[in-house]
PDB file of N, CA and C in Angstrom:
ATOM      1  N   MET A   1       0.096 -38.644  -7.271  1.00  0.00           N
ATOM      2  CA  MET A   1      -0.163 -37.114  -7.244  1.00  0.00           C
ATOM      3  C   MET A   1      -1.366 -36.815  -8.106  1.00  0.00           C
ATOM      4  N   GLY A   2      -2.214 -35.901  -7.428  1.00  0.00           N
ATOM      5  CA  GLY A   2      -3.388 -35.468  -8.178  1.00  0.00           C
ATOM      6  C   GLY A   2      -3.075 -34.343  -9.210  1.00  0.00           C
ATOM      7  N   GLU A   3      -4.190 -33.976  -9.699  1.00  0.00           N
ATOM      8  CA  GLU A   3      -4.131 -32.867 -10.880  1.00  0.00           C
ATOM      9  C   GLU A   3      -3.830 -31.506 -10.118  1.00  0.00           C
ATOM     10  N   PRO A   4      -3.184 -30.600 -10.637  1.00  0.00           N
ATOM     11  CA  PRO A   4      -2.966 -29.356 -10.142  1.00  0.00           C
ATOM     12  C   PRO A   4      -4.280 -28.654  -9.947  1.00  0.00           C
ATOM     13  N   ARG A   5      -4.313 -27.809  -8.832  1.00  0.00           N
ATOM     14  CA  ARG A   5      -5.636 -27.125  -8.657  1.00  0.00           C
ATOM     15  C   ARG A   5      -5.347 -25.630  -8.592  1.00  0.00           C
ATOM     16  N   PRO A   6      -6.345 -24.835  -8.905  1.00  0.00           N
ATOM     17  CA  PRO A   6      -6.134 -23.364  -8.782  1.00  0.00           C
ATOM     18  C   PRO A   6      -5.887 -22.932  -7.346  1.00  0.00           C
ATOM     19  N   ILE A   7      -5.110 -22.015  -7.161  1.00  0.00           N
ATOM     20  CA  ILE A   7      -4.790 -21.557  -5.801  1.00  0.00           C
ATOM     21  C   ILE A   7      -6.030 -21.029  -5.003  1.00  0.00           C
ATOM     22  N   GLY A   8      -6.910 -20.500  -5.788  1.00  0.00           N
ATOM     23  CA  GLY A   8      -8.267 -20.026  -5.134  1.00  0.00           C
ATOM     24  C   GLY A   8      -8.957 -21.155  -4.505  1.00  0.00           C
ATOM     25  N   ASP A   9      -8.943 -22.331  -5.112  1.00  0.00           N
ATOM     26  CA  ASP A   9      -9.632 -23.421  -4.517  1.00  0.00           C
ATOM     27  C   ASP A   9      -9.002 -23.988  -3.203  1.00  0.00           C
ATOM     28  N   LEU A  10      -7.664 -23.685  -3.150  1.00  0.00           N
ATOM     29  CA  LEU A  10      -6.968 -24.164  -2.059  1.00  0.00           C
ATOM     30  C   LEU A  10      -7.127 -23.180  -0.795  1.00  0.00           C
ATOM     31  N   VAL A  11      -7.372 -21.928  -1.083  1.00  0.00           N
ATOM     32  CA  VAL A  11      -7.502 -20.959  -0.023  1.00  0.00           C
ATOM     33  C   VAL A  11      -8.891 -20.396   0.273  1.00  0.00           C
ATOM     34  N   GLY A  12      -9.860 -21.095  -0.147  1.00  0.00           N
ATOM     35  CA  GLY A  12     -11.279 -20.875   0.160  1.00  0.00           C
ATOM     36  C   GLY A  12     -12.064 -20.209  -0.965  1.00  0.00           C
ATOM     37  N   GLY A  13     -11.725 -20.560  -2.155  1.00  0.00           N
ATOM     38  CA  GLY A  13     -12.619 -19.944  -3.219  1.00  0.00           C
ATOM     39  C   GLY A  13     -12.555 -18.518  -3.357  1.00  0.00           C
ATOM     40  N   SER A  14     -13.804 -17.792  -3.622  1.00  0.00           N
ATOM     41  CA  SER A  14     -13.664 -16.369  -3.842  1.00  0.00           C
ATOM     42  C   SER A  14     -13.154 -15.633  -2.673  1.00  0.00           C
ATOM     43  N   LEU A  15     -13.415 -16.014  -1.403  1.00  0.00           N
ATOM     44  CA  LEU A  15     -12.851 -15.351  -0.271  1.00  0.00           C
ATOM     45  C   LEU A  15     -11.289 -15.424  -0.394  1.00  0.00           C
ATOM     46  N   GLY A  16     -10.834 -16.529  -0.526  1.00  0.00           N
ATOM     47  CA  GLY A  16      -9.230 -16.758  -0.631  1.00  0.00           C
ATOM     48  C   GLY A  16      -8.748 -15.949  -1.729  1.00  0.00           C
ATOM     49  N   SER A  17      -9.435 -15.930  -2.871  1.00  0.00           N
ATOM     50  CA  SER A  17      -8.850 -15.226  -4.138  1.00  0.00           C
ATOM     51  C   SER A  17      -8.867 -13.741  -3.890  1.00  0.00           C
ATOM     52  N   ARG A  18      -9.857 -13.245  -3.062  1.00  0.00           N
ATOM     53  CA  ARG A  18      -9.985 -11.772  -2.702  1.00  0.00           C
ATOM     54  C   ARG A  18      -8.824 -11.521  -1.682  1.00  0.00           C
ATOM     55  N   ARG A  19      -8.626 -12.377  -0.744  1.00  0.00           N
ATOM     56  CA  ARG A  19      -7.605 -12.051   0.238  1.00  0.00           C
ATOM     57  C   ARG A  19      -6.145 -12.042  -0.584  1.00  0.00           C
ATOM     58  N   LEU A  20      -6.020 -12.989  -1.520  1.00  0.00           N
ATOM     59  CA  LEU A  20      -4.792 -13.107  -2.162  1.00  0.00           C
ATOM     60  C   LEU A  20      -4.605 -11.776  -3.027  1.00  0.00           C
ATOM     61  N   ARG A  21      -5.605 -11.339  -3.699  1.00  0.00           N
ATOM     62  CA  ARG A  21      -5.651 -10.094  -4.528  1.00  0.00           C
ATOM     63  C   ARG A  21      -5.235  -8.848  -3.679  1.00  0.00           C
ATOM     64  N   ASP A  22      -5.951  -8.821  -2.546  1.00  0.00           N
ATOM     65  CA  ASP A  22      -5.703  -7.735  -1.558  1.00  0.00           C
ATOM     66  C   ASP A  22      -4.204  -7.680  -1.077  1.00  0.00           C
ATOM     67  N   ALA A  23      -3.686  -8.825  -0.824  1.00  0.00           N
ATOM     68  CA  ALA A  23      -2.292  -9.052  -0.361  1.00  0.00           C
ATOM     69  C   ALA A  23      -1.369  -8.650  -1.346  1.00  0.00           C
ATOM     70  N   VAL A  24      -1.599  -9.142  -2.605  1.00  0.00           N
ATOM     71  CA  VAL A  24      -0.701  -8.666  -3.792  1.00  0.00           C
ATOM     72  C   VAL A  24      -0.849  -7.061  -4.088  1.00  0.00           C
ATOM     73  N   ARG A  25      -2.074  -6.651  -3.820  1.00  0.00           N
ATOM     74  CA  ARG A  25      -2.242  -5.210  -4.046  1.00  0.00           C
ATOM     75  C   ARG A  25      -1.538  -4.305  -3.122  1.00  0.00           C
ATOM     76  N   LEU A  26      -1.587  -4.802  -1.772  1.00  0.00           N
ATOM     77  CA  LEU A  26      -0.874  -4.161  -0.711  1.00  0.00           C
ATOM     78  C   LEU A  26       0.632  -4.192  -0.810  1.00  0.00           C
ATOM     79  N   GLY A  27       1.109  -5.360  -1.366  1.00  0.00           N
ATOM     80  CA  GLY A  27       2.544  -5.504  -1.589  1.00  0.00           C
ATOM     81  C   GLY A  27       3.040  -4.493  -2.666  1.00  0.00           C
ATOM     82  N   ARG A  28       2.262  -4.448  -3.697  1.00  0.00           N
ATOM     83  CA  ARG A  28       2.519  -3.522  -4.739  1.00  0.00           C
ATOM     84  C   ARG A  28       2.532  -2.048  -4.274  1.00  0.00           C
ATOM     85  N   LEU A  29       1.638  -1.782  -3.439  1.00  0.00           N
ATOM     86  CA  LEU A  29       1.635  -0.315  -2.899  1.00  0.00           C
ATOM     87  C   LEU A  29       2.707  -0.087  -2.028  1.00  0.00           C
ATOM     88  N   ARG A  30       3.174  -1.072  -1.257  1.00  0.00           N
ATOM     89  CA  ARG A  30       4.465  -0.912  -0.408  1.00  0.00           C
ATOM     90  C   ARG A  30       5.618  -0.585  -1.279  1.00  0.00           C
ATOM     91  N   LEU A  31       5.717  -1.320  -2.473  1.00  0.00           N
ATOM     92  CA  LEU A  31       6.870  -1.060  -3.412  1.00  0.00           C
ATOM     93  C   LEU A  31       6.864   0.410  -3.880  1.00  0.00           C
ATOM     94  N   VAL A  32       5.593   0.746  -4.213  1.00  0.00           N
ATOM     95  CA  VAL A  32       5.397   2.088  -4.806  1.00  0.00           C
ATOM     96  C   VAL A  32       5.707   3.113  -3.807  1.00  0.00           C
ATOM     97  N   TRP A  33       5.242   2.890  -2.541  1.00  0.00           N
ATOM     98  CA  TRP A  33       5.421   3.822  -1.494  1.00  0.00           C
ATOM     99  C   TRP A  33       7.019   4.122  -1.366  1.00  0.00           C
ATOM    100  N   GLU A  34       7.764   3.117  -1.210  1.00  0.00           N
ATOM    101  CA  GLU A  34       9.246   3.254  -1.162  1.00  0.00           C
ATOM    102  C   GLU A  34       9.753   4.029  -2.270  1.00  0.00           C
ATOM    103  N   GLU A  35       9.408   3.637  -3.430  1.00  0.00           N
ATOM    104  CA  GLU A  35       9.902   4.387  -4.725  1.00  0.00           C
ATOM    105  C   GLU A  35       9.505   5.862  -4.616  1.00  0.00           C
ATOM    106  N   ILE A  36       8.370   6.224  -4.025  1.00  0.00           N
ATOM    107  CA  ILE A  36       8.041   7.578  -4.006  1.00  0.00           C
ATOM    108  C   ILE A  36       8.628   8.441  -2.887  1.00  0.00           C
ATOM    109  N   VAL A  37       8.626   7.783  -1.681  1.00  0.00           N
ATOM    110  CA  VAL A  37       9.102   8.630  -0.507  1.00  0.00           C
ATOM    111  C   VAL A  37      10.568   8.379  -0.299  1.00  0.00           C
ATOM    112  N   GLY A  38      11.093   7.404  -0.955  1.00  0.00           N
ATOM    113  CA  GLY A  38      12.590   7.105  -0.747  1.00  0.00           C
ATOM    114  C   GLY A  38      12.818   6.182   0.451  1.00  0.00           C
ATOM    115  N   PRO A  39      13.994   5.456   0.384  1.00  0.00           N
ATOM    116  CA  PRO A  39      14.319   4.388   1.382  1.00  0.00           C
ATOM    117  C   PRO A  39      14.238   4.877   2.906  1.00  0.00           C
ATOM    118  N   SER A  40      14.708   6.094   3.097  1.00  0.00           N
ATOM    119  CA  SER A  40      14.796   6.658   4.476  1.00  0.00           C
ATOM    120  C   SER A  40      13.381   6.836   5.033  1.00  0.00           C
ATOM    121  N   LEU A  41      12.630   7.486   4.367  1.00  0.00           N
ATOM    122  CA  LEU A  41      11.204   7.638   4.871  1.00  0.00           C
ATOM    123  C   LEU A  41      10.389   6.277   4.838  1.00  0.00           C
ATOM    124  N   ALA A  42      10.689   5.526   3.896  1.00  0.00           N
ATOM    125  CA  ALA A  42       9.891   4.235   3.914  1.00  0.00           C
ATOM    126  C   ALA A  42      10.238   3.336   5.078  1.00  0.00           C
ATOM    127  N   ARG A  43      11.570   3.505   5.419  1.00  0.00           N
ATOM    128  CA  ARG A  43      11.953   2.555   6.580  1.00  0.00           C
ATOM    129  C   ARG A  43      11.338   3.035   7.856  1.00  0.00           C
ATOM    130  N   ARG A  44      11.033   4.338   7.998  1.00  0.00           N
ATOM    131  CA  ARG A  44      10.284   4.861   9.164  1.00  0.00           C
ATOM    132  C   ARG A  44       8.794   4.899   9.113  1.00  0.00           C
ATOM    133  N   THR A  45       8.203   4.419   8.067  1.00  0.00           N
ATOM    134  CA  THR A  45       6.833   4.379   7.817  1.00  0.00           C
ATOM    135  C   THR A  45       6.441   3.082   7.354  1.00  0.00           C
ATOM    136  N   ARG A  46       5.109   2.784   7.310  1.00  0.00           N
ATOM    137  CA  ARG A  46       4.679   1.528   6.781  1.00  0.00           C
ATOM    138  C   ARG A  46       3.258   1.634   6.239  1.00  0.00           C
ATOM    139  N   VAL A  47       3.077   1.024   5.015  1.00  0.00           N
ATOM    140  CA  VAL A  47       1.691   1.079   4.351  1.00  0.00           C
ATOM    141  C   VAL A  47       0.973  -0.077   5.118  1.00  0.00           C
ATOM    142  N   THR A  48      -0.151   0.362   5.787  1.00  0.00           N
ATOM    143  CA  THR A  48      -0.965  -0.634   6.558  1.00  0.00           C
ATOM    144  C   THR A  48      -2.163  -1.086   5.858  1.00  0.00           C
ATOM    145  N   GLY A  49      -2.678  -0.292   4.849  1.00  0.00           N
ATOM    146  CA  GLY A  49      -3.933  -0.587   4.177  1.00  0.00           C
ATOM    147  C   GLY A  49      -4.422   0.418   3.250  1.00  0.00           C
ATOM    148  N   LEU A  50      -5.512   0.216   2.803  1.00  0.00           N
ATOM    149  CA  LEU A  50      -6.290   1.052   1.829  1.00  0.00           C
ATOM    150  C   LEU A  50      -7.775   1.140   2.226  1.00  0.00           C
ATOM    151  N   ARG A  51      -8.150   2.447   2.475  1.00  0.00           N
ATOM    152  CA  ARG A  51      -9.589   2.677   2.635  1.00  0.00           C
ATOM    153  C   ARG A  51     -10.090   3.425   1.530  1.00  0.00           C
ATOM    154  N   GLY A  52     -10.852   2.754   0.782  1.00  0.00           N
ATOM    155  CA  GLY A  52     -11.307   3.250  -0.510  1.00  0.00           C
ATOM    156  C   GLY A  52     -10.197   3.592  -1.444  1.00  0.00           C
ATOM    157  N   ARG A  53      -9.859   4.877  -1.672  1.00  0.00           N
ATOM    158  CA  ARG A  53      -8.839   5.259  -2.560  1.00  0.00           C
ATOM    159  C   ARG A  53      -7.795   5.984  -1.726  1.00  0.00           C
ATOM    160  N   THR A  54      -7.790   5.840  -0.326  1.00  0.00           N
ATOM    161  CA  THR A  54      -6.950   6.566   0.595  1.00  0.00           C
ATOM    162  C   THR A  54      -5.916   5.409   1.137  1.00  0.00           C
ATOM    163  N   LEU A  55      -4.624   5.669   0.993  1.00  0.00           N
ATOM    164  CA  LEU A  55      -3.605   4.752   1.446  1.00  0.00           C
ATOM    165  C   LEU A  55      -3.449   5.068   2.966  1.00  0.00           C
ATOM    166  N   VAL A  56      -3.389   4.151   3.846  1.00  0.00           N
ATOM    167  CA  VAL A  56      -3.216   4.291   5.254  1.00  0.00           C
ATOM    168  C   VAL A  56      -1.759   4.054   5.681  1.00  0.00           C
ATOM    169  N   ILE A  57      -1.175   5.064   6.302  1.00  0.00           N
ATOM    170  CA  ILE A  57       0.252   4.949   6.591  1.00  0.00           C
ATOM    171  C   ILE A  57       0.327   4.799   8.155  1.00  0.00           C
ATOM    172  N   GLU A  58       1.317   4.046   8.551  1.00  0.00           N
ATOM    173  CA  GLU A  58       1.686   4.113  10.012  1.00  0.00           C
ATOM    174  C   GLU A  58       3.077   4.643  10.146  1.00  0.00           C
ATOM    175  N   VAL A  59       3.276   5.410  11.142  1.00  0.00           N
ATOM    176  CA  VAL A  59       4.602   6.123  11.373  1.00  0.00           C
ATOM    177  C   VAL A  59       5.203   5.567  12.522  1.00  0.00           C
ATOM    178  N   GLY A  60       6.397   4.869  12.372  1.00  0.00           N
ATOM    179  CA  GLY A  60       7.032   4.337  13.482  1.00  0.00           C
ATOM    180  C   GLY A  60       7.961   5.282  14.102  1.00  0.00           C
ATOM    181  N   ASP A  61       8.360   6.361  13.507  1.00  0.00           N
ATOM    182  CA  ASP A  61       9.240   7.361  13.937  1.00  0.00           C
ATOM    183  C   ASP A  61       8.714   8.622  13.808  1.00  0.00           C
ATOM    184  N   PRO A  62       8.272   9.369  14.903  1.00  0.00           N
ATOM    185  CA  PRO A  62       7.452  10.560  14.776  1.00  0.00           C
ATOM    186  C   PRO A  62       8.225  11.657  14.003  1.00  0.00           C
ATOM    187  N   SER A  63       9.591  11.563  13.876  1.00  0.00           N
ATOM    188  CA  SER A  63      10.253  12.564  13.149  1.00  0.00           C
ATOM    189  C   SER A  63      10.046  12.508  11.599  1.00  0.00           C
ATOM    190  N   ALA A  64       9.299  11.340  11.236  1.00  0.00           N
ATOM    191  CA  ALA A  64       9.078  11.182   9.769  1.00  0.00           C
ATOM    192  C   ALA A  64       7.743  11.935   9.438  1.00  0.00           C
ATOM    193  N   LEU A  65       7.012  12.341  10.347  1.00  0.00           N
ATOM    194  CA  LEU A  65       5.658  12.981  10.115  1.00  0.00           C
ATOM    195  C   LEU A  65       5.836  14.397   9.423  1.00  0.00           C
ATOM    196  N   GLU A  66       6.745  15.120   9.801  1.00  0.00           N
ATOM    197  CA  GLU A  66       6.982  16.490   9.332  1.00  0.00           C
ATOM    198  C   GLU A  66       7.336  16.438   7.827  1.00  0.00           C
ATOM    199  N   PRO A  67       8.420  15.556   7.409  1.00  0.00           N
ATOM    200  CA  PRO A  67       8.776  15.532   5.924  1.00  0.00           C
ATOM    201  C   PRO A  67       7.599  15.052   5.207  1.00  0.00           C
ATOM    202  N   LEU A  68       6.841  14.088   5.769  1.00  0.00           N
ATOM    203  CA  LEU A  68       5.627  13.503   5.001  1.00  0.00           C
ATOM    204  C   LEU A  68       4.616  14.564   4.839  1.00  0.00           C
ATOM    205  N   ARG A  69       4.353  15.392   5.778  1.00  0.00           N
ATOM    206  CA  ARG A  69       3.417  16.449   5.568  1.00  0.00           C
ATOM    207  C   ARG A  69       3.817  17.517   4.636  1.00  0.00           C
ATOM    208  N   GLU A  70       5.086  17.949   4.695  1.00  0.00           N
ATOM    209  CA  GLU A  70       5.672  18.794   3.743  1.00  0.00           C
ATOM    210  C   GLU A  70       5.470  18.337   2.265  1.00  0.00           C
ATOM    211  N   MET A  71       5.715  17.115   2.034  1.00  0.00           N
ATOM    212  CA  MET A  71       5.735  16.496   0.733  1.00  0.00           C
ATOM    213  C   MET A  71       4.262  16.018   0.408  1.00  0.00           C
ATOM    214  N   LEU A  72       3.244  16.064   1.199  1.00  0.00           N
ATOM    215  CA  LEU A  72       2.033  15.361   0.963  1.00  0.00           C
ATOM    216  C   LEU A  72       1.366  15.551  -0.423  1.00  0.00           C
ATOM    217  N   GLY A  73       1.388  16.801  -0.917  1.00  0.00           N
ATOM    218  CA  GLY A  73       0.787  17.100  -2.176  1.00  0.00           C
ATOM    219  C   GLY A  73       1.507  16.331  -3.266  1.00  0.00           C
ATOM    220  N   ARG A  74       2.702  16.334  -3.312  1.00  0.00           N
ATOM    221  CA  ARG A  74       3.576  15.756  -4.329  1.00  0.00           C
ATOM    222  C   ARG A  74       3.447  14.219  -4.145  1.00  0.00           C
ATOM    223  N   ILE A  75       3.450  13.686  -2.943  1.00  0.00           N
ATOM    224  CA  ILE A  75       3.321  12.221  -2.715  1.00  0.00           C
ATOM    225  C   ILE A  75       2.040  11.741  -3.295  1.00  0.00           C
ATOM    226  N   VAL A  76       0.993  12.462  -3.034  1.00  0.00           N
ATOM    227  CA  VAL A  76      -0.409  11.998  -3.462  1.00  0.00           C
ATOM    228  C   VAL A  76      -0.505  12.066  -4.987  1.00  0.00           C
ATOM    229  N   GLU A  77       0.123  13.133  -5.564  1.00  0.00           N
ATOM    230  CA  GLU A  77       0.171  13.306  -7.002  1.00  0.00           C
ATOM    231  C   GLU A  77       0.926  11.956  -7.612  1.00  0.00           C
ATOM    232  N   ARG A  78       2.102  11.708  -7.119  1.00  0.00           N
ATOM    233  CA  ARG A  78       2.816  10.623  -7.722  1.00  0.00           C
ATOM    234  C   ARG A  78       2.153   9.296  -7.534  1.00  0.00           C
ATOM    235  N   LEU A  79       1.526   9.060  -6.168  1.00  0.00           N
ATOM    236  CA  LEU A  79       0.802   7.784  -5.984  1.00  0.00           C
ATOM    237  C   LEU A  79      -0.430   7.713  -6.979  1.00  0.00           C
ATOM    238  N   CYS A  80      -1.095   8.706  -7.339  1.00  0.00           N
ATOM    239  CA  CYS A  80      -2.135   8.714  -8.231  1.00  0.00           C
ATOM    240  C   CYS A  80      -1.604   8.346  -9.667  1.00  0.00           C
ATOM    241  N   GLU A  81      -0.431   8.800  -9.977  1.00  0.00           N
ATOM    242  CA  GLU A  81       0.158   8.526 -11.359  1.00  0.00           C
ATOM    243  C   GLU A  81       0.518   7.121 -11.352  1.00  0.00           C
ATOM    244  N   LYS A  82       1.205   6.586 -10.267  1.00  0.00           N
ATOM    245  CA  LYS A  82       1.863   5.293 -10.289  1.00  0.00           C
ATOM    246  C   LYS A  82       0.828   4.191 -10.159  1.00  0.00           C
ATOM    247  N   THR A  83      -0.306   4.573  -9.558  1.00  0.00           N
ATOM    248  CA  THR A  83      -1.360   3.545  -9.414  1.00  0.00           C
ATOM    249  C   THR A  83      -2.583   3.734 -10.404  1.00  0.00           C
ATOM    250  N   ALA A  84      -2.435   4.524 -11.392  1.00  0.00           N
ATOM    251  CA  ALA A  84      -3.583   4.740 -12.190  1.00  0.00           C
ATOM    252  C   ALA A  84      -4.789   5.176 -11.593  1.00  0.00           C
ATOM    253  N   GLY A  85      -4.703   6.012 -10.582  1.00  0.00           N
ATOM    254  CA  GLY A  85      -5.760   6.456  -9.740  1.00  0.00           C
ATOM    255  C   GLY A  85      -6.292   5.696  -8.743  1.00  0.00           C
ATOM    256  N   GLU A  86      -5.744   4.468  -8.486  1.00  0.00           N
ATOM    257  CA  GLU A  86      -6.210   3.540  -7.405  1.00  0.00           C
ATOM    258  C   GLU A  86      -6.113   4.263  -6.098  1.00  0.00           C
ATOM    259  N   VAL A  87      -4.952   5.051  -5.940  1.00  0.00           N
ATOM    260  CA  VAL A  87      -4.648   5.783  -4.719  1.00  0.00           C
ATOM    261  C   VAL A  87      -4.932   7.242  -4.980  1.00  0.00           C
ATOM    262  N   GLU A  88      -5.716   7.964  -4.160  1.00  0.00           N
ATOM    263  CA  GLU A  88      -5.948   9.455  -4.460  1.00  0.00           C
ATOM    264  C   GLU A  88      -5.696  10.202  -3.145  1.00  0.00           C
ATOM    265  N   GLY A  89      -5.324   9.490  -2.089  1.00  0.00           N
ATOM    266  CA  GLY A  89      -5.084  10.231  -0.871  1.00  0.00           C
ATOM    267  C   GLY A  89      -4.220   9.377   0.066  1.00  0.00           C
ATOM    268  N   ILE A  90      -3.814  10.144   1.216  1.00  0.00           N
ATOM    269  CA  ILE A  90      -2.968   9.451   2.226  1.00  0.00           C
ATOM    270  C   ILE A  90      -3.684   9.738   3.558  1.00  0.00           C
ATOM    271  N   GLU A  91      -3.725   8.822   4.435  1.00  0.00           N
ATOM    272  CA  GLU A  91      -4.119   8.960   5.788  1.00  0.00           C
ATOM    273  C   GLU A  91      -2.939   8.762   6.669  1.00  0.00           C
ATOM    274  N   LEU A  92      -2.534   9.895   7.355  1.00  0.00           N
ATOM    275  CA  LEU A  92      -1.412   9.865   8.323  1.00  0.00           C
ATOM    276  C   LEU A  92      -2.000   9.861   9.784  1.00  0.00           C
ATOM    277  N   PRO A  93      -1.101   9.424  10.614  1.00  0.00           N
ATOM    278  CA  PRO A  93      -1.533   9.495  12.083  1.00  0.00           C
ATOM    279  C   PRO A  93      -1.577  11.015  12.501  1.00  0.00           C
ATOM    280  N   ARG A  94      -2.280  11.241  13.453  1.00  0.00           N
ATOM    281  CA  ARG A  94      -2.591  12.657  13.893  1.00  0.00           C
ATOM    282  C   ARG A  94      -1.411  12.966  14.940  1.00  0.00           C
TER     283      ARG A  94
END
């Protein structure tokens, strides 16, 4: 057996480590999303990415859009708190 190697070396150096960082960040945002909107809305929506400081949300059930829109201000406020300003807005489907 050889010496242990950093995971970044195994997945393509800086590109791999950036992808890994982005995947971890997205996973963390998904957990925070469920904590903020609750399990019911979290099951009907999905965090798909981050554009700048805007969290991109996909809505699988159209009935989830209205509650999200009603709570949007509070959701953004809590996201900003929970992510130390990493997320400052939400992009919902039209």
